[in-house]
Amino acid sequence: MPCYTCGSYQAHRQVGDDRERNVIRELKGLGPRAYVDEYWICVSTERDCRNIRTGYSWKPLDPPQRMPGPDESPGS
């Protein structure tokens, strides 16, 4: 499945740590214990995409959101 944001067929990786899980919970308005390991992050190095999607939906967030880097805040 292609990435909705960058249009590439780059690999996507699963959420890697608690910081990323908390970002997704915040973006989706979920509680602190909500299961979010079904979300994937685009790893396109050409475009620094980091679009967040699920394994079954390439556009689960409206508008599409990207995983912020370690020094960015969610939604930026």
PDB file of N, CA and C in Angstrom:
ATOM      1  N   MET A   1       0.853  -1.174   0.000  1.00  0.00           N
ATOM      2  CA  MET A   1       0.000   0.000   0.000  1.00  0.00           C
ATOM      3  C   MET A   1       0.905   1.246   0.000  1.00  0.00           C
ATOM      4  N   PRO A   2       0.621   2.211  -0.864  1.00  0.00           N
ATOM      5  CA  PRO A   2       1.466   3.407  -0.890  1.00  0.00           C
ATOM      6  C   PRO A   2       1.180   4.320   0.302  1.00  0.00           C
ATOM      7  N   CYS A   3       2.122   5.179   0.575  1.00  0.00           N
ATOM      8  CA  CYS A   3       1.958   6.176   1.625  1.00  0.00           C
ATOM      9  C   CYS A   3       1.031   7.274   1.108  1.00  0.00           C
ATOM     10  N   TYR A   4       0.052   7.662   1.894  1.00  0.00           N
ATOM     11  CA  TYR A   4      -0.901   8.697   1.488  1.00  0.00           C
ATOM     12  C   TYR A   4      -0.220  10.047   1.290  1.00  0.00           C
ATOM     13  N   THR A   5       0.735  10.366   2.144  1.00  0.00           N
ATOM     14  CA  THR A   5       1.356  11.685   2.112  1.00  0.00           C
ATOM     15  C   THR A   5       2.405  11.835   1.020  1.00  0.00           C
ATOM     16  N   CYS A   6       3.367  10.917   0.961  1.00  0.00           N
ATOM     17  CA  CYS A   6       4.463  11.081   0.000  1.00  0.00           C
ATOM     18  C   CYS A   6       4.242  10.292  -1.286  1.00  0.00           C
ATOM     19  N   GLY A   7       3.250   9.385  -1.317  1.00  0.00           N
ATOM     20  CA  GLY A   7       2.936   8.644  -2.531  1.00  0.00           C
ATOM     21  C   GLY A   7       3.914   7.534  -2.868  1.00  0.00           C
ATOM     22  N   SER A   8       4.891   7.297  -2.037  1.00  0.00           N
ATOM     23  CA  SER A   8       5.894   6.276  -2.323  1.00  0.00           C
ATOM     24  C   SER A   8       5.444   4.920  -1.806  1.00  0.00           C
ATOM     25  N   TYR A   9       6.105   3.914  -2.267  1.00  0.00           N
ATOM     26  CA  TYR A   9       5.867   2.560  -1.777  1.00  0.00           C
ATOM     27  C   TYR A   9       6.974   2.170  -0.804  1.00  0.00           C
ATOM     28  N   GLN A  10       7.451   3.127  -0.027  1.00  0.00           N
ATOM     29  CA  GLN A  10       8.481   2.878   0.962  1.00  0.00           C
ATOM     30  C   GLN A  10       7.935   2.012   2.082  1.00  0.00           C
ATOM     31  N   ALA A  11       8.858   1.391   2.768  1.00  0.00           N
ATOM     32  CA  ALA A  11       8.459   0.575   3.918  1.00  0.00           C
ATOM     33  C   ALA A  11       7.863   1.457   5.006  1.00  0.00           C
ATOM     34  N   HIS A  12       7.019   0.853   5.817  1.00  0.00           N
ATOM     35  CA  HIS A  12       6.471   1.507   7.005  1.00  0.00           C
ATOM     36  C   HIS A  12       6.899   0.667   8.197  1.00  0.00           C
ATOM     37  N   ARG A  13       7.163   1.315   9.293  1.00  0.00           N
ATOM     38  CA  ARG A  13       7.583   0.590  10.495  1.00  0.00           C
ATOM     39  C   ARG A  13       6.521   0.743  11.571  1.00  0.00           C
ATOM     40  N   GLN A  14       6.513  -0.219  12.494  1.00  0.00           N
ATOM     41  CA  GLN A  14       5.583  -0.121  13.605  1.00  0.00           C
ATOM     42  C   GLN A  14       6.042   0.956  14.579  1.00  0.00           C
ATOM     43  N   VAL A  15       5.112   1.391  15.403  1.00  0.00           N
ATOM     44  CA  VAL A  15       5.427   2.363  16.447  1.00  0.00           C
ATOM     45  C   VAL A  15       6.530   1.781  17.316  1.00  0.00           C
ATOM     46  N   GLY A  16       7.543   2.598  17.623  1.00  0.00           N
ATOM     47  CA  GLY A  16       8.733   2.050  18.255  1.00  0.00           C
ATOM     48  C   GLY A  16       8.861   2.195  19.751  1.00  0.00           C
ATOM     49  N   ASP A  17       8.277   3.216  20.344  1.00  0.00           N
ATOM     50  CA  ASP A  17       8.498   3.428  21.777  1.00  0.00           C
ATOM     51  C   ASP A  17       7.298   4.139  22.402  1.00  0.00           C
ATOM     52  N   ASP A  18       7.373   4.344  23.703  1.00  0.00           N
ATOM     53  CA  ASP A  18       6.253   4.973  24.420  1.00  0.00           C
ATOM     54  C   ASP A  18       6.003   6.406  23.969  1.00  0.00           C
ATOM     55  N   ARG A  19       7.050   7.143  23.592  1.00  0.00           N
ATOM     56  CA  ARG A  19       6.863   8.516  23.109  1.00  0.00           C
ATOM     57  C   ARG A  19       5.981   8.501  21.871  1.00  0.00           C
ATOM     58  N   GLU A  20       6.277   7.617  20.917  1.00  0.00           N
ATOM     59  CA  GLU A  20       5.483   7.548  19.690  1.00  0.00           C
ATOM     60  C   GLU A  20       4.059   7.068  19.980  1.00  0.00           C
ATOM     61  N   ARG A  21       3.910   6.114  20.879  1.00  0.00           N
ATOM     62  CA  ARG A  21       2.562   5.665  21.246  1.00  0.00           C
ATOM     63  C   ARG A  21       1.754   6.810  21.845  1.00  0.00           C
ATOM     64  N   ASN A  22       2.380   7.607  22.694  1.00  0.00           N
ATOM     65  CA  ASN A  22       1.694   8.738  23.321  1.00  0.00           C
ATOM     66  C   ASN A  22       1.332   9.813  22.308  1.00  0.00           C
ATOM     67  N   VAL A  23       2.190  10.031  21.297  1.00  0.00           N
ATOM     68  CA  VAL A  23       1.868  10.993  20.238  1.00  0.00           C
ATOM     69  C   VAL A  23       0.602  10.556  19.513  1.00  0.00           C
ATOM     70  N   ILE A  24       0.515   9.283  19.161  1.00  0.00           N
ATOM     71  CA  ILE A  24      -0.670   8.781  18.455  1.00  0.00           C
ATOM     72  C   ILE A  24      -1.898   8.882  19.335  1.00  0.00           C
ATOM     73  N   ARG A  25      -1.786   8.532  20.592  1.00  0.00           N
ATOM     74  CA  ARG A  25      -2.928   8.659  21.512  1.00  0.00           C
ATOM     75  C   ARG A  25      -3.415  10.104  21.574  1.00  0.00           C
ATOM     76  N   GLU A  26      -2.473  11.040  21.622  1.00  0.00           N
ATOM     77  CA  GLU A  26      -2.837  12.458  21.669  1.00  0.00           C
ATOM     78  C   GLU A  26      -3.508  12.895  20.363  1.00  0.00           C
ATOM     79  N   LEU A  27      -2.949  12.501  19.222  1.00  0.00           N
ATOM     80  CA  LEU A  27      -3.518  12.887  17.934  1.00  0.00           C
ATOM     81  C   LEU A  27      -4.916  12.307  17.727  1.00  0.00           C
ATOM     82  N   LYS A  28      -5.146  11.098  18.217  1.00  0.00           N
ATOM     83  CA  LYS A  28      -6.449  10.450  18.069  1.00  0.00           C
ATOM     84  C   LYS A  28      -7.414  10.776  19.204  1.00  0.00           C
ATOM     85  N   GLY A  29      -6.948  11.459  20.247  1.00  0.00           N
ATOM     86  CA  GLY A  29      -7.805  11.776  21.377  1.00  0.00           C
ATOM     87  C   GLY A  29      -8.150  10.554  22.202  1.00  0.00           C
ATOM     88  N   LEU A  30      -7.194   9.641  22.328  1.00  0.00           N
ATOM     89  CA  LEU A  30      -7.409   8.393  23.058  1.00  0.00           C
ATOM     90  C   LEU A  30      -6.891   8.494  24.478  1.00  0.00           C
ATOM     91  N   GLY A  31      -7.318   7.579  25.317  1.00  0.00           N
ATOM     92  CA  GLY A  31      -6.861   7.526  26.698  1.00  0.00           C
ATOM     93  C   GLY A  31      -5.417   7.047  26.795  1.00  0.00           C
ATOM     94  N   PRO A  32      -4.831   7.187  27.974  1.00  0.00           N
ATOM     95  CA  PRO A  32      -3.408   6.876  28.153  1.00  0.00           C
ATOM     96  C   PRO A  32      -3.066   5.396  28.008  1.00  0.00           C
ATOM     97  N   ARG A  33      -4.045   4.521  28.064  1.00  0.00           N
ATOM     98  CA  ARG A  33      -3.756   3.083  27.950  1.00  0.00           C
ATOM     99  C   ARG A  33      -4.298   2.474  26.660  1.00  0.00           C
ATOM    100  N   ALA A  34      -4.781   3.309  25.756  1.00  0.00           N
ATOM    101  CA  ALA A  34      -5.343   2.799  24.501  1.00  0.00           C
ATOM    102  C   ALA A  34      -4.277   2.079  23.690  1.00  0.00           C
ATOM    103  N   TYR A  35      -4.684   0.984  23.060  1.00  0.00           N
ATOM    104  CA  TYR A  35      -3.783   0.186  22.225  1.00  0.00           C
ATOM    105  C   TYR A  35      -3.572   0.903  20.896  1.00  0.00           C
ATOM    106  N   VAL A  36      -2.332   1.214  20.563  1.00  0.00           N
ATOM    107  CA  VAL A  36      -2.044   1.923  19.318  1.00  0.00           C
ATOM    108  C   VAL A  36      -0.974   1.223  18.484  1.00  0.00           C
ATOM    109  N   ASP A  37      -0.660  -0.028  18.801  1.00  0.00           N
ATOM    110  CA  ASP A  37       0.386  -0.728  18.064  1.00  0.00           C
ATOM    111  C   ASP A  37      -0.046  -1.146  16.653  1.00  0.00           C
ATOM    112  N   GLU A  38      -1.281  -0.862  16.249  1.00  0.00           N
ATOM    113  CA  GLU A  38      -1.697  -1.146  14.878  1.00  0.00           C
ATOM    114  C   GLU A  38      -1.308  -0.008  13.924  1.00  0.00           C
ATOM    115  N   TYR A  39      -0.736   1.063  14.452  1.00  0.00           N
ATOM    116  CA  TYR A  39      -0.315   2.190  13.628  1.00  0.00           C
ATOM    117  C   TYR A  39       1.093   1.967  13.098  1.00  0.00           C
ATOM    118  N   TRP A  40       1.340   2.489  11.900  1.00  0.00           N
ATOM    119  CA  TRP A  40       2.627   2.351  11.219  1.00  0.00           C
ATOM    120  C   TRP A  40       3.106   3.739  10.808  1.00  0.00           C
ATOM    121  N   ILE A  41       4.413   3.882  10.629  1.00  0.00           N
ATOM    122  CA  ILE A  41       5.017   5.169  10.291  1.00  0.00           C
ATOM    123  C   ILE A  41       5.844   5.002   9.022  1.00  0.00           C
ATOM    124  N   CYS A  42       5.638   5.877   8.042  1.00  0.00           N
ATOM    125  CA  CYS A  42       6.392   5.830   6.782  1.00  0.00           C
ATOM    126  C   CYS A  42       7.859   6.140   7.063  1.00  0.00           C
ATOM    127  N   VAL A  43       8.741   5.336   6.501  1.00  0.00           N
ATOM    128  CA  VAL A  43      10.177   5.534   6.728  1.00  0.00           C
ATOM    129  C   VAL A  43      10.893   6.020   5.474  1.00  0.00           C
ATOM    130  N   SER A  44      10.189   6.719   4.596  1.00  0.00           N
ATOM    131  CA  SER A  44      10.797   7.252   3.388  1.00  0.00           C
ATOM    132  C   SER A  44      11.917   8.218   3.756  1.00  0.00           C
ATOM    133  N   THR A  45      13.142   7.846   3.429  1.00  0.00           N
ATOM    134  CA  THR A  45      14.284   8.723   3.719  1.00  0.00           C
ATOM    135  C   THR A  45      14.418   9.818   2.674  1.00  0.00           C
ATOM    136  N   GLU A  46      13.864   9.612   1.484  1.00  0.00           N
ATOM    137  CA  GLU A  46      13.941  10.616   0.426  1.00  0.00           C
ATOM    138  C   GLU A  46      13.115  11.853   0.766  1.00  0.00           C
ATOM    139  N   ARG A  47      12.003  11.653   1.476  1.00  0.00           N
ATOM    140  CA  ARG A  47      11.075  12.759   1.724  1.00  0.00           C
ATOM    141  C   ARG A  47      10.905  13.097   3.202  1.00  0.00           C
ATOM    142  N   ASP A  48      11.552  12.346   4.104  1.00  0.00           N
ATOM    143  CA  ASP A  48      11.382  12.545   5.550  1.00  0.00           C
ATOM    144  C   ASP A  48       9.895  12.634   5.882  1.00  0.00           C
ATOM    145  N   CYS A  49       9.138  11.648   5.440  1.00  0.00           N
ATOM    146  CA  CYS A  49       7.681  11.683   5.491  1.00  0.00           C
ATOM    147  C   CYS A  49       7.122  11.477   6.906  1.00  0.00           C
ATOM    148  N   ARG A  50       7.327  10.298   7.483  1.00  0.00           N
ATOM    149  CA  ARG A  50       6.843   9.943   8.824  1.00  0.00           C
ATOM    150  C   ARG A  50       5.318  10.008   8.953  1.00  0.00           C
ATOM    151  N   ASN A  51       4.585   9.806   7.843  1.00  0.00           N
ATOM    152  CA  ASN A  51       3.129   9.771   7.885  1.00  0.00           C
ATOM    153  C   ASN A  51       2.670   8.603   8.757  1.00  0.00           C
ATOM    154  N   ILE A  52       1.639   8.817   9.547  1.00  0.00           N
ATOM    155  CA  ILE A  52       1.086   7.793  10.422  1.00  0.00           C
ATOM    156  C   ILE A  52      -0.126   7.173   9.742  1.00  0.00           C
ATOM    157  N   ARG A  53      -0.155   5.838   9.694  1.00  0.00           N
ATOM    158  CA  ARG A  53      -1.313   5.136   9.141  1.00  0.00           C
ATOM    159  C   ARG A  53      -1.482   3.819   9.875  1.00  0.00           C
ATOM    160  N   THR A  54      -2.576   3.132   9.606  1.00  0.00           N
ATOM    161  CA  THR A  54      -2.754   1.791  10.149  1.00  0.00           C
ATOM    162  C   THR A  54      -2.428   0.789   9.046  1.00  0.00           C
ATOM    163  N   GLY A  55      -2.379  -0.467   9.404  1.00  0.00           N
ATOM    164  CA  GLY A  55      -2.107  -1.498   8.408  1.00  0.00           C
ATOM    165  C   GLY A  55      -3.223  -1.650   7.391  1.00  0.00           C
ATOM    166  N   TYR A  56      -4.420  -1.175   7.726  1.00  0.00           N
ATOM    167  CA  TYR A  56      -5.573  -1.360   6.858  1.00  0.00           C
ATOM    168  C   TYR A  56      -6.099  -0.065   6.251  1.00  0.00           C
ATOM    169  N   SER A  57      -5.628   1.061   6.726  1.00  0.00           N
ATOM    170  CA  SER A  57      -6.102   2.345   6.216  1.00  0.00           C
ATOM    171  C   SER A  57      -4.918   3.259   5.988  1.00  0.00           C
ATOM    172  N   TRP A  58      -4.809   3.777   4.789  1.00  0.00           N
ATOM    173  CA  TRP A  58      -3.668   4.648   4.513  1.00  0.00           C
ATOM    174  C   TRP A  58      -3.944   6.087   4.925  1.00  0.00           C
ATOM    175  N   LYS A  59      -5.170   6.377   5.376  1.00  0.00           N
ATOM    176  CA  LYS A  59      -5.526   7.722   5.829  1.00  0.00           C
ATOM    177  C   LYS A  59      -6.409   7.634   7.080  1.00  0.00           C
ATOM    178  N   PRO A  60      -5.854   7.140   8.214  1.00  0.00           N
ATOM    179  CA  PRO A  60      -6.677   6.987   9.415  1.00  0.00           C
ATOM    180  C   PRO A  60      -6.875   8.281  10.187  1.00  0.00           C
ATOM    181  N   LEU A  61      -6.072   9.288   9.920  1.00  0.00           N
ATOM    182  CA  LEU A  61      -6.180  10.574  10.608  1.00  0.00           C
ATOM    183  C   LEU A  61      -6.598  11.634   9.603  1.00  0.00           C
ATOM    184  N   ASP A  62      -7.542  12.466   9.963  1.00  0.00           N
ATOM    185  CA  ASP A  62      -8.020  13.516   9.071  1.00  0.00           C
ATOM    186  C   ASP A  62      -7.879  14.856   9.771  1.00  0.00           C
ATOM    187  N   PRO A  63      -6.991  15.705   9.338  1.00  0.00           N
ATOM    188  CA  PRO A  63      -6.080  15.565   8.213  1.00  0.00           C
ATOM    189  C   PRO A  63      -4.944  14.602   8.531  1.00  0.00           C
ATOM    190  N   PRO A  64      -4.237  14.100   7.497  1.00  0.00           N
ATOM    191  CA  PRO A  64      -3.110  13.206   7.742  1.00  0.00           C
ATOM    192  C   PRO A  64      -2.089  13.849   8.677  1.00  0.00           C
ATOM    193  N   GLN A  65      -1.490  13.034   9.514  1.00  0.00           N
ATOM    194  CA  GLN A  65      -0.507  13.528  10.479  1.00  0.00           C
ATOM    195  C   GLN A  65       0.801  12.769  10.313  1.00  0.00           C
ATOM    196  N   ARG A  66       1.889  13.414  10.660  1.00  0.00           N
ATOM    197  CA  ARG A  66       3.182  12.749  10.635  1.00  0.00           C
ATOM    198  C   ARG A  66       3.727  12.655  12.049  1.00  0.00           C
ATOM    199  N   MET A  67       4.519  11.632  12.282  1.00  0.00           N
ATOM    200  CA  MET A  67       5.145  11.447  13.573  1.00  0.00           C
ATOM    201  C   MET A  67       6.197  12.543  13.737  1.00  0.00           C
ATOM    202  N   PRO A  68       6.068  13.370  14.770  1.00  0.00           N
ATOM    203  CA  PRO A  68       7.068  14.414  14.974  1.00  0.00           C
ATOM    204  C   PRO A  68       8.412  13.802  15.354  1.00  0.00           C
ATOM    205  N   GLY A  69       9.476  14.503  14.983  1.00  0.00           N
ATOM    206  CA  GLY A  69      10.805  14.080  15.400  1.00  0.00           C
ATOM    207  C   GLY A  69      10.955  14.259  16.897  1.00  0.00           C
ATOM    208  N   PRO A  70      12.061  13.767  17.460  1.00  0.00           N
ATOM    209  CA  PRO A  70      12.259  13.858  18.911  1.00  0.00           C
ATOM    210  C   PRO A  70      12.217  15.280  19.458  1.00  0.00           C
ATOM    211  N   ASP A  71      12.550  16.273  18.629  1.00  0.00           N
ATOM    212  CA  ASP A  71      12.575  17.657  19.115  1.00  0.00           C
ATOM    213  C   ASP A  71      11.369  18.479  18.656  1.00  0.00           C
ATOM    214  N   GLU A  72      10.359  17.819  18.066  1.00  0.00           N
ATOM    215  CA  GLU A  72       9.144  18.486  17.607  1.00  0.00           C
ATOM    216  C   GLU A  72       7.977  18.121  18.516  1.00  0.00           C
ATOM    217  N   SER A  73       6.973  18.974  18.526  1.00  0.00           N
ATOM    218  CA  SER A  73       5.764  18.650  19.291  1.00  0.00           C
ATOM    219  C   SER A  73       4.711  18.084  18.339  1.00  0.00           C
ATOM    220  N   PRO A  74       3.779  17.262  18.822  1.00  0.00           N
ATOM    221  CA  PRO A  74       2.737  16.699  17.972  1.00  0.00           C
ATOM    222  C   PRO A  74       1.911  17.775  17.294  1.00  0.00           C
ATOM    223  N   GLY A  75       1.545  17.507  16.022  1.00  0.00           N
ATOM    224  CA  GLY A  75       0.710  18.434  15.274  1.00  0.00           C
ATOM    225  C   GLY A  75       1.477  19.542  14.590  1.00  0.00           C
ATOM    226  N   SER A  76       2.820  19.564  14.709  1.00  0.00           N
ATOM    227  CA  SER A  76       3.583  20.627  14.037  1.00  0.00           C
ATOM    228  C   SER A  76       4.014  20.216  12.664  1.00  0.00           C
TER     229      SER A  76
END
